[in-house]
Amino acid sequence: MSVNKEIKRITTQTLQSMKQKGEKISMLTAYDYSMARIVDEGGVDVILVGDSASNVMAGHETTLPITLDQMIYHAQSVIRAVKRSMVVVDLPFGTYQGNSELALKSSIRIMKESGAHAVKLEGGSEVVESISRILTAGIPVMGHLGLTPQSIYKFGTYNVRAKEEAEAQKLRTDALLLQEAGCFALVLEKIPAHLATEVSKSLFIPTIGIGAGGGTDGQVLVIHDMVGLSKDFQPRFVRRYLETYEMMKVAVENYVKDVKGLDFPSDKEQY
């Protein structure tokens, strides 16, 4: 008789416990059912339905064009596949900045319409009011400091952030502010490793790094970068575990050759 082992869902409490035990948190992006199923079954703790869908799924240069409706669509697709991972959804540009009431409405829509488990937004002291407002509805919030891609036109570059002491100090202050406001975790993107380690040690909530060294409580990568589906984007902080682009291209070329050469379908591949 086979025994069905119950799959335990990862929650904010699980992540907090992992930090206390010193167990690292794994996080990857996913934007559709098929990819999310693989990522979930692969044992990833947190799936981020990132606004990076704007780049890797829609081909935009920045994350700015993606809409709330589009983010909800991606989140719905991911949620249908997931049994174990915690699913966090990015609030897209223009749905929370400078307006805490809008931030709450946007977050409620994501949670109600997609069934996701939490939202993520970028920024420090500027968004504390929005975070507090979202939390009043019982919606968990993940923060995001360092390189914040939605502010790309303000920064003018995707280079490492917080190398200068003034910006590093603001990041330290913002991290504590976000923790105090009630964020359950923080993403630290593209900041010096020593600063990410220092901030991680100063907080009781977990930190997830991307291009921020190994001293954070976890790591996140965009799945398309990690499996080599993105052909041209190869930043220093990405480790490629597959070269999927080339493998799929060869498969497509072989299919085209077989169709044109009358090799596909064979007798076994027809009715």
Protein backbone atom coordinates (compact mmCIF):
# COMPACT_ATOMS: atom_id res chain seq x y z
CA MET A 1 0.00 0.00 0.00
CA SER A 2 1.50 3.35 -1.04
CA VAL A 3 1.40 6.15 1.49
CA ASN A 4 0.83 9.67 0.15
CA LYS A 5 3.35 11.88 1.89
CA GLU A 6 1.76 15.25 2.50
CA ILE A 7 3.66 18.11 0.89
CA LYS A 8 4.29 20.92 3.33
CA ARG A 9 3.80 24.39 1.88
CA ILE A 10 6.59 26.91 2.48
CA THR A 11 5.31 29.93 4.44
CA THR A 12 6.75 33.16 5.86
CA GLN A 13 7.19 31.24 9.13
CA THR A 14 9.19 28.51 7.34
CA LEU A 15 11.56 31.14 5.93
CA GLN A 16 11.99 32.76 9.35
CA SER A 17 12.79 29.37 10.85
CA MET A 18 15.30 28.67 8.04
CA LYS A 19 17.15 31.90 8.85
CA GLN A 20 17.28 31.00 12.55
CA LYS A 21 18.67 27.54 11.74
CA GLY A 22 21.18 28.91 9.22
CA GLU A 23 19.57 27.00 6.34
CA LYS A 24 19.87 28.89 3.06
CA ILE A 25 16.71 29.85 1.12
CA SER A 26 16.48 29.08 -2.61
CA MET A 27 14.38 31.33 -4.86
CA LEU A 28 13.87 31.36 -8.64
CA THR A 29 11.51 33.19 -10.97
CA ALA A 30 8.76 31.51 -13.00
CA TYR A 31 6.06 33.06 -15.18
CA ASP A 32 4.06 30.15 -16.60
CA TYR A 33 2.56 26.78 -15.62
CA SER A 34 5.14 24.49 -17.27
CA MET A 35 8.19 26.27 -15.88
CA ALA A 36 6.64 26.71 -12.41
CA ARG A 37 5.91 22.97 -12.20
CA ILE A 38 9.56 22.12 -12.90
CA VAL A 39 10.84 24.74 -10.42
CA ASP A 40 8.42 23.59 -7.69
CA GLU A 41 9.23 19.90 -8.19
CA GLY A 42 12.94 20.80 -8.18
CA GLY A 43 12.55 21.84 -4.54
CA VAL A 44 12.87 25.63 -4.74
CA ASP A 45 11.59 27.32 -1.56
CA VAL A 46 10.22 30.53 -3.09
CA ILE A 47 9.00 31.22 -6.62
CA LEU A 48 9.04 34.87 -7.64
CA VAL A 49 6.60 35.88 -10.34
CA GLY A 50 8.88 38.75 -11.23
CA ASP A 51 8.23 41.86 -13.27
CA SER A 52 11.30 40.56 -15.14
CA ALA A 53 8.56 38.86 -17.20
CA SER A 54 8.54 42.21 -19.00
CA ASN A 55 12.07 41.42 -20.26
CA VAL A 56 12.20 37.65 -20.68
CA MET A 57 8.59 36.91 -21.67
CA ALA A 58 7.61 40.07 -23.57
CA GLY A 59 10.98 41.31 -24.87
CA HIS A 60 10.85 44.80 -23.33
CA GLU A 61 14.09 46.61 -22.53
CA THR A 62 12.99 47.39 -18.94
CA THR A 63 10.51 46.11 -16.34
CA LEU A 64 8.43 49.29 -16.57
CA PRO A 65 5.87 48.39 -19.31
CA ILE A 66 4.34 45.32 -17.66
CA THR A 67 0.84 45.91 -16.27
CA LEU A 68 -0.98 44.68 -13.16
CA ASP A 69 -3.34 42.59 -15.33
CA GLN A 70 -0.36 40.92 -17.01
CA MET A 71 1.31 40.19 -13.65
CA ILE A 72 -1.94 38.64 -12.40
CA TYR A 73 -2.14 36.46 -15.54
CA HIS A 74 1.43 35.18 -14.98
CA ALA A 75 0.75 34.61 -11.27
CA GLN A 76 -2.44 32.62 -12.00
CA SER A 77 -0.49 30.37 -14.39
CA VAL A 78 2.25 29.76 -11.80
CA ILE A 79 -0.12 29.09 -8.89
CA ARG A 80 -1.89 26.31 -10.84
CA ALA A 81 1.39 24.36 -10.97
CA VAL A 82 2.74 24.86 -7.47
CA LYS A 83 2.32 22.43 -4.56
CA ARG A 84 5.19 23.33 -2.21
CA SER A 85 6.93 26.62 -3.03
CA MET A 86 5.81 29.95 -1.62
CA VAL A 87 4.71 32.20 -4.51
CA VAL A 88 5.60 35.92 -4.32
CA VAL A 89 4.39 38.37 -6.97
CA ASP A 90 6.02 41.66 -7.94
CA LEU A 91 3.86 44.76 -7.78
CA PRO A 92 4.58 46.35 -11.17
CA PHE A 93 5.71 49.92 -11.74
CA GLY A 94 2.96 52.48 -11.17
CA THR A 95 0.78 50.32 -8.91
CA TYR A 96 2.12 51.39 -5.50
CA GLN A 97 4.60 54.28 -5.69
CA GLY A 98 3.44 57.42 -3.89
CA ASN A 99 -0.08 56.14 -3.26
CA SER A 100 -0.66 53.72 -0.38
CA GLU A 101 -4.34 53.31 -1.22
CA LEU A 102 -3.48 52.20 -4.76
CA ALA A 103 -0.78 49.90 -3.32
CA LEU A 104 -3.40 48.18 -1.16
CA LYS A 105 -5.89 47.85 -4.05
CA SER A 106 -3.18 46.43 -6.35
CA SER A 107 -2.07 43.91 -3.71
CA ILE A 108 -5.64 42.80 -2.96
CA ARG A 109 -6.24 42.21 -6.69
CA ILE A 110 -3.08 40.06 -6.94
CA MET A 111 -4.01 37.97 -3.90
CA LYS A 112 -7.73 37.56 -4.80
CA GLU A 113 -7.34 36.95 -8.53
CA SER A 114 -4.20 34.81 -8.56
CA GLY A 115 -4.17 33.02 -5.20
CA ALA A 116 -0.52 34.02 -4.62
CA HIS A 117 0.96 34.04 -1.12
CA ALA A 118 2.72 37.44 -0.91
CA VAL A 119 3.69 40.55 -2.87
CA LYS A 120 7.07 42.24 -3.40
CA LEU A 121 7.81 45.91 -3.99
CA GLU A 122 10.93 48.00 -4.50
CA GLY A 123 12.26 50.86 -2.38
CA GLY A 124 12.98 51.99 1.18
CA SER A 125 11.62 54.91 3.17
CA GLU A 126 9.63 56.09 0.11
CA VAL A 127 7.37 53.02 0.21
CA VAL A 128 7.03 52.38 3.96
CA GLU A 129 3.54 53.91 4.01
CA SER A 130 2.44 51.59 1.18
CA ILE A 131 3.89 48.56 2.98
CA SER A 132 2.04 49.43 6.20
CA ARG A 133 -1.22 49.87 4.27
CA ILE A 134 -0.84 46.52 2.46
CA LEU A 135 -0.13 44.76 5.75
CA THR A 136 -3.42 46.05 7.20
CA ALA A 137 -5.14 43.58 4.83
CA GLY A 138 -3.01 40.71 6.15
CA ILE A 139 -0.98 40.47 2.93
CA PRO A 140 2.68 39.50 3.48
CA VAL A 141 5.19 41.91 1.89
CA MET A 142 8.74 41.22 0.68
CA GLY A 143 10.96 44.29 0.32
CA HIS A 144 13.65 44.97 -2.31
CA LEU A 145 16.72 47.22 -1.87
CA GLY A 146 19.94 47.95 -3.75
CA LEU A 147 19.52 47.92 -7.51
CA THR A 148 15.79 48.48 -7.99
CA PRO A 149 15.11 47.92 -11.71
CA GLN A 150 11.87 49.95 -11.73
CA SER A 151 14.03 53.01 -10.92
CA ILE A 152 16.39 52.38 -13.84
CA TYR A 153 15.83 55.80 -15.43
CA LYS A 154 16.66 57.49 -12.11
CA PHE A 155 19.89 55.47 -11.75
CA GLY A 156 20.68 55.54 -15.48
CA THR A 157 22.61 52.27 -15.20
CA TYR A 158 22.35 48.67 -13.97
CA ASN A 159 25.73 48.95 -12.21
CA VAL A 160 26.38 47.88 -8.61
CA ARG A 161 24.60 50.07 -6.04
CA ALA A 162 25.67 51.33 -2.58
CA LYS A 163 29.42 51.38 -3.25
CA GLU A 164 29.62 54.92 -1.81
CA GLU A 165 29.19 55.30 1.96
CA ALA A 166 26.18 57.68 1.77
CA GLU A 167 24.15 55.22 -0.33
CA ALA A 168 25.35 52.28 1.79
CA GLN A 169 24.17 54.06 4.95
CA LYS A 170 20.75 54.75 3.39
CA LEU A 171 20.48 51.06 2.52
CA ARG A 172 21.29 50.04 6.12
CA THR A 173 18.66 52.48 7.43
CA ASP A 174 16.07 51.41 4.85
CA ALA A 175 16.61 47.71 5.65
CA LEU A 176 15.82 48.32 9.32
CA LEU A 177 12.84 50.52 8.36
CA LEU A 178 11.37 47.80 6.13
CA GLN A 179 11.84 45.21 8.87
CA GLU A 180 10.16 47.53 11.38
CA ALA A 181 7.31 48.21 8.91
CA GLY A 182 6.60 44.47 8.83
CA CYS A 183 8.28 43.01 5.72
CA PHE A 184 8.82 39.25 6.14
CA ALA A 185 11.97 39.22 3.95
CA LEU A 186 14.18 41.47 1.81
CA VAL A 187 15.78 41.07 -1.61
CA LEU A 188 19.22 42.71 -1.80
CA GLU A 189 20.21 43.22 -5.44
CA LYS A 190 23.66 44.02 -6.85
CA ILE A 191 25.33 45.54 -3.79
CA PRO A 192 28.84 44.84 -2.42
CA ALA A 193 29.03 41.43 -0.72
CA HIS A 194 30.41 42.84 2.56
CA LEU A 195 27.46 45.25 2.84
CA ALA A 196 24.91 42.50 2.09
CA THR A 197 26.50 40.30 4.78
CA GLU A 198 26.46 43.16 7.30
CA VAL A 199 22.81 44.01 6.60
CA SER A 200 21.78 40.32 6.73
CA LYS A 201 23.39 39.95 10.17
CA SER A 202 21.70 43.12 11.44
CA LEU A 203 18.18 41.87 10.59
CA PHE A 204 16.05 39.15 12.15
CA ILE A 205 14.09 38.74 8.86
CA PRO A 206 15.70 36.74 6.02
CA THR A 207 17.55 38.40 3.13
CA ILE A 208 17.66 36.98 -0.41
CA GLY A 209 20.60 38.11 -2.52
CA ILE A 210 21.09 38.51 -6.25
CA GLY A 211 24.59 39.63 -7.16
CA ALA A 212 25.15 40.35 -3.45
CA GLY A 213 27.51 37.55 -2.44
CA GLY A 214 27.07 34.50 -0.23
CA GLY A 215 26.47 36.25 3.09
CA THR A 216 22.71 36.68 2.54
CA ASP A 217 20.19 34.17 3.90
CA GLY A 218 19.25 32.98 0.42
CA GLN A 219 19.75 33.48 -3.31
CA VAL A 220 17.49 34.33 -6.26
CA LEU A 221 18.09 34.18 -10.00
CA VAL A 222 15.91 34.67 -13.06
CA ILE A 223 15.20 31.15 -14.34
CA HIS A 224 15.89 32.14 -17.98
CA ASP A 225 19.40 33.26 -17.00
CA MET A 226 20.09 30.23 -14.81
CA VAL A 227 19.16 27.66 -17.47
CA GLY A 228 20.67 29.61 -20.37
CA LEU A 229 17.41 30.48 -22.14
CA SER A 230 18.54 34.13 -22.29
CA LYS A 231 21.14 34.16 -25.04
CA ASP A 232 22.77 37.56 -24.64
CA PHE A 233 22.40 38.39 -20.91
CA GLN A 234 25.35 36.90 -19.02
CA PRO A 235 26.15 39.04 -15.96
CA ARG A 236 28.91 38.07 -13.55
CA PHE A 237 26.51 36.98 -10.78
CA VAL A 238 24.66 34.36 -12.87
CA ARG A 239 25.78 30.74 -12.84
CA ARG A 240 24.47 28.86 -15.88
CA TYR A 241 23.35 25.34 -15.04
CA LEU A 242 22.27 24.58 -18.63
CA GLU A 243 22.72 26.00 -22.12
CA THR A 244 19.05 25.64 -23.04
CA TYR A 245 19.03 28.20 -25.85
CA GLU A 246 21.61 26.26 -27.88
CA MET A 247 20.08 22.86 -27.05
CA MET A 248 16.60 23.97 -28.14
CA LYS A 249 17.94 25.67 -31.27
CA VAL A 250 19.64 22.41 -32.36
CA ALA A 251 16.40 20.49 -31.66
CA VAL A 252 14.41 22.96 -33.81
CA GLU A 253 17.01 22.73 -36.61
CA ASN A 254 16.79 18.91 -36.51
CA TYR A 255 12.98 19.06 -36.64
CA VAL A 256 13.06 21.41 -39.65
CA LYS A 257 15.57 19.13 -41.41
CA ASP A 258 13.46 16.03 -40.74
CA VAL A 259 10.22 17.67 -41.98
CA LYS A 260 11.84 18.96 -45.15
CA GLY A 261 13.70 15.67 -45.72
CA LEU A 262 10.43 13.67 -45.36
CA ASP A 263 11.90 11.84 -42.35
CA PHE A 264 9.19 13.11 -39.97
CA PRO A 265 6.63 11.72 -39.40
CA SER A 266 7.73 8.11 -39.80
CA ASP A 267 5.38 5.12 -40.10
CA LYS A 268 5.45 4.76 -36.31
CA GLU A 269 4.45 8.38 -35.84
CA GLN A 270 1.15 8.27 -37.72
CA TYR A 271 -2.26 6.55 -37.37
